[in-house]
Amino acid sequence: MMFIGLGFVLLFYDSLQGLFRRCGCSATIRFEQLFLLPVLGLNASTLTLVGQNFGAMNFLVNS
Protein backbone atom coordinates (compact mmCIF):
# COMPACT_ATOMS: atom_id res chain seq x y z
CA MET A 1 0.00 0.00 0.00
CA MET A 2 2.93 2.27 0.62
CA PHE A 3 4.03 1.95 -3.02
CA ILE A 4 0.58 2.92 -4.28
CA GLY A 5 0.59 6.06 -2.13
CA LEU A 6 4.14 6.85 -3.16
CA GLY A 7 3.14 6.44 -6.80
CA PHE A 8 0.44 9.07 -6.47
CA VAL A 9 2.83 11.48 -4.79
CA LEU A 10 5.35 10.96 -7.60
CA LEU A 11 2.58 11.43 -10.15
CA PHE A 12 1.75 14.81 -8.62
CA TYR A 13 5.36 15.99 -8.81
CA ASP A 14 5.76 14.61 -12.32
CA SER A 15 2.66 16.49 -13.46
CA LEU A 16 4.65 19.67 -12.96
CA GLN A 17 7.27 18.47 -15.48
CA GLY A 18 5.11 17.99 -18.55
CA LEU A 19 2.48 15.99 -20.35
CA PHE A 20 4.59 13.12 -21.69
CA ARG A 21 6.24 12.47 -18.35
CA ARG A 22 2.85 12.46 -16.62
CA CYS A 23 1.44 10.00 -19.16
CA GLY A 24 4.45 7.73 -18.72
CA CYS A 25 4.13 7.71 -14.95
CA SER A 26 0.38 7.15 -15.17
CA ALA A 27 0.89 4.13 -17.43
CA THR A 28 3.57 2.78 -15.09
CA ILE A 29 1.27 3.06 -12.08
CA ARG A 30 -1.47 1.21 -13.97
CA PHE A 31 0.88 -1.64 -14.89
CA GLU A 32 2.09 -1.80 -11.30
CA GLN A 33 -1.46 -2.07 -9.99
CA LEU A 34 -2.30 -4.66 -12.63
CA PHE A 35 0.31 -6.99 -11.16
CA LEU A 36 -0.02 -5.88 -7.53
CA LEU A 37 -3.76 -6.40 -7.06
CA PRO A 38 -3.75 -10.18 -7.75
CA VAL A 39 -0.80 -10.55 -5.38
CA LEU A 40 -2.73 -8.72 -2.66
CA GLY A 41 -5.70 -11.04 -3.25
CA LEU A 42 -3.51 -14.13 -2.90
CA ASN A 43 -1.98 -12.65 0.24
CA ALA A 44 -5.40 -12.11 1.82
CA SER A 45 -6.59 -15.62 0.98
CA THR A 46 -3.38 -17.19 2.32
CA LEU A 47 -3.69 -15.18 5.52
CA THR A 48 -7.26 -16.44 5.97
CA LEU A 49 -6.30 -20.09 5.50
CA VAL A 50 -3.28 -19.86 7.79
CA GLY A 51 -5.29 -18.09 10.48
CA GLN A 52 -8.07 -20.68 10.29
CA ASN A 53 -5.65 -23.60 10.62
CA PHE A 54 -3.67 -21.87 13.36
CA GLY A 55 -6.85 -21.23 15.34
CA ALA A 56 -7.89 -24.87 14.98
CA MET A 57 -4.40 -25.98 16.09
CA ASN A 58 -4.08 -27.84 12.79
CA PHE A 59 -0.34 -27.70 12.18
CA LEU A 60 1.59 -29.67 9.58
CA VAL A 61 3.72 -31.53 12.12
CA ASN A 62 4.19 -35.27 11.86
CA SER A 63 4.14 -36.77 15.33
C-alpha atoms as a PDB file:
ATOM      1  CA  MET A   1       0.000   0.000   0.000  1.00  0.00           C
ATOM      2  CA  MET A   2       2.935   2.269   0.616  1.00  0.00           C
ATOM      3  CA  PHE A   3       4.031   1.948  -3.017  1.00  0.00           C
ATOM      4  CA  ILE A   4       0.579   2.918  -4.279  1.00  0.00           C
ATOM      5  CA  GLY A   5       0.591   6.060  -2.133  1.00  0.00           C
ATOM      6  CA  LEU A   6       4.142   6.853  -3.163  1.00  0.00           C
ATOM      7  CA  GLY A   7       3.140   6.436  -6.802  1.00  0.00           C
ATOM      8  CA  PHE A   8       0.435   9.066  -6.475  1.00  0.00           C
ATOM      9  CA  VAL A   9       2.831  11.480  -4.793  1.00  0.00           C
ATOM     10  CA  LEU A  10       5.346  10.965  -7.596  1.00  0.00           C
ATOM     11  CA  LEU A  11       2.575  11.429 -10.155  1.00  0.00           C
ATOM     12  CA  PHE A  12       1.754  14.813  -8.622  1.00  0.00           C
ATOM     13  CA  TYR A  13       5.364  15.987  -8.812  1.00  0.00           C
ATOM     14  CA  ASP A  14       5.764  14.610 -12.317  1.00  0.00           C
ATOM     15  CA  SER A  15       2.661  16.491 -13.461  1.00  0.00           C
ATOM     16  CA  LEU A  16       4.655  19.667 -12.958  1.00  0.00           C
ATOM     17  CA  GLN A  17       7.270  18.466 -15.478  1.00  0.00           C
ATOM     18  CA  GLY A  18       5.109  17.990 -18.548  1.00  0.00           C
ATOM     19  CA  LEU A  19       2.477  15.991 -20.349  1.00  0.00           C
ATOM     20  CA  PHE A  20       4.594  13.117 -21.685  1.00  0.00           C
ATOM     21  CA  ARG A  21       6.244  12.468 -18.352  1.00  0.00           C
ATOM     22  CA  ARG A  22       2.852  12.461 -16.616  1.00  0.00           C
ATOM     23  CA  CYS A  23       1.440  10.003 -19.160  1.00  0.00           C
ATOM     24  CA  GLY A  24       4.448   7.728 -18.719  1.00  0.00           C
ATOM     25  CA  CYS A  25       4.126   7.712 -14.953  1.00  0.00           C
ATOM     26  CA  SER A  26       0.385   7.147 -15.172  1.00  0.00           C
ATOM     27  CA  ALA A  27       0.891   4.130 -17.426  1.00  0.00           C
ATOM     28  CA  THR A  28       3.566   2.778 -15.092  1.00  0.00           C
ATOM     29  CA  ILE A  29       1.267   3.058 -12.079  1.00  0.00           C
ATOM     30  CA  ARG A  30      -1.473   1.213 -13.967  1.00  0.00           C
ATOM     31  CA  PHE A  31       0.875  -1.636 -14.886  1.00  0.00           C
ATOM     32  CA  GLU A  32       2.093  -1.800 -11.297  1.00  0.00           C
ATOM     33  CA  GLN A  33      -1.457  -2.074  -9.988  1.00  0.00           C
ATOM     34  CA  LEU A  34      -2.300  -4.656 -12.632  1.00  0.00           C
ATOM     35  CA  PHE A  35       0.313  -6.989 -11.160  1.00  0.00           C
ATOM     36  CA  LEU A  36      -0.021  -5.882  -7.534  1.00  0.00           C
ATOM     37  CA  LEU A  37      -3.762  -6.405  -7.060  1.00  0.00           C
ATOM     38  CA  PRO A  38      -3.746 -10.184  -7.747  1.00  0.00           C
ATOM     39  CA  VAL A  39      -0.796 -10.550  -5.376  1.00  0.00           C
ATOM     40  CA  LEU A  40      -2.731  -8.722  -2.660  1.00  0.00           C
ATOM     41  CA  GLY A  41      -5.698 -11.042  -3.246  1.00  0.00           C
ATOM     42  CA  LEU A  42      -3.509 -14.126  -2.900  1.00  0.00           C
ATOM     43  CA  ASN A  43      -1.982 -12.651   0.236  1.00  0.00           C
ATOM     44  CA  ALA A  44      -5.404 -12.111   1.823  1.00  0.00           C
ATOM     45  CA  SER A  45      -6.589 -15.624   0.980  1.00  0.00           C
ATOM     46  CA  THR A  46      -3.377 -17.186   2.324  1.00  0.00           C
ATOM     47  CA  LEU A  47      -3.693 -15.179   5.515  1.00  0.00           C
ATOM     48  CA  THR A  48      -7.258 -16.436   5.973  1.00  0.00           C
ATOM     49  CA  LEU A  49      -6.299 -20.086   5.500  1.00  0.00           C
ATOM     50  CA  VAL A  50      -3.280 -19.864   7.790  1.00  0.00           C
ATOM     51  CA  GLY A  51      -5.293 -18.095  10.481  1.00  0.00           C
ATOM     52  CA  GLN A  52      -8.066 -20.677  10.288  1.00  0.00           C
ATOM     53  CA  ASN A  53      -5.648 -23.600  10.616  1.00  0.00           C
ATOM     54  CA  PHE A  54      -3.669 -21.873  13.355  1.00  0.00           C
ATOM     55  CA  GLY A  55      -6.853 -21.232  15.340  1.00  0.00           C
ATOM     56  CA  ALA A  56      -7.890 -24.872  14.977  1.00  0.00           C
ATOM     57  CA  MET A  57      -4.398 -25.982  16.092  1.00  0.00           C
ATOM     58  CA  ASN A  58      -4.084 -27.837  12.794  1.00  0.00           C
ATOM     59  CA  PHE A  59      -0.336 -27.704  12.180  1.00  0.00           C
ATOM     60  CA  LEU A  60       1.593 -29.671   9.584  1.00  0.00           C
ATOM     61  CA  VAL A  61       3.723 -31.531  12.120  1.00  0.00           C
ATOM     62  CA  ASN A  62       4.186 -35.272  11.862  1.00  0.00           C
ATOM     63  CA  SER A  63       4.144 -36.773  15.332  1.00  0.00           C
END
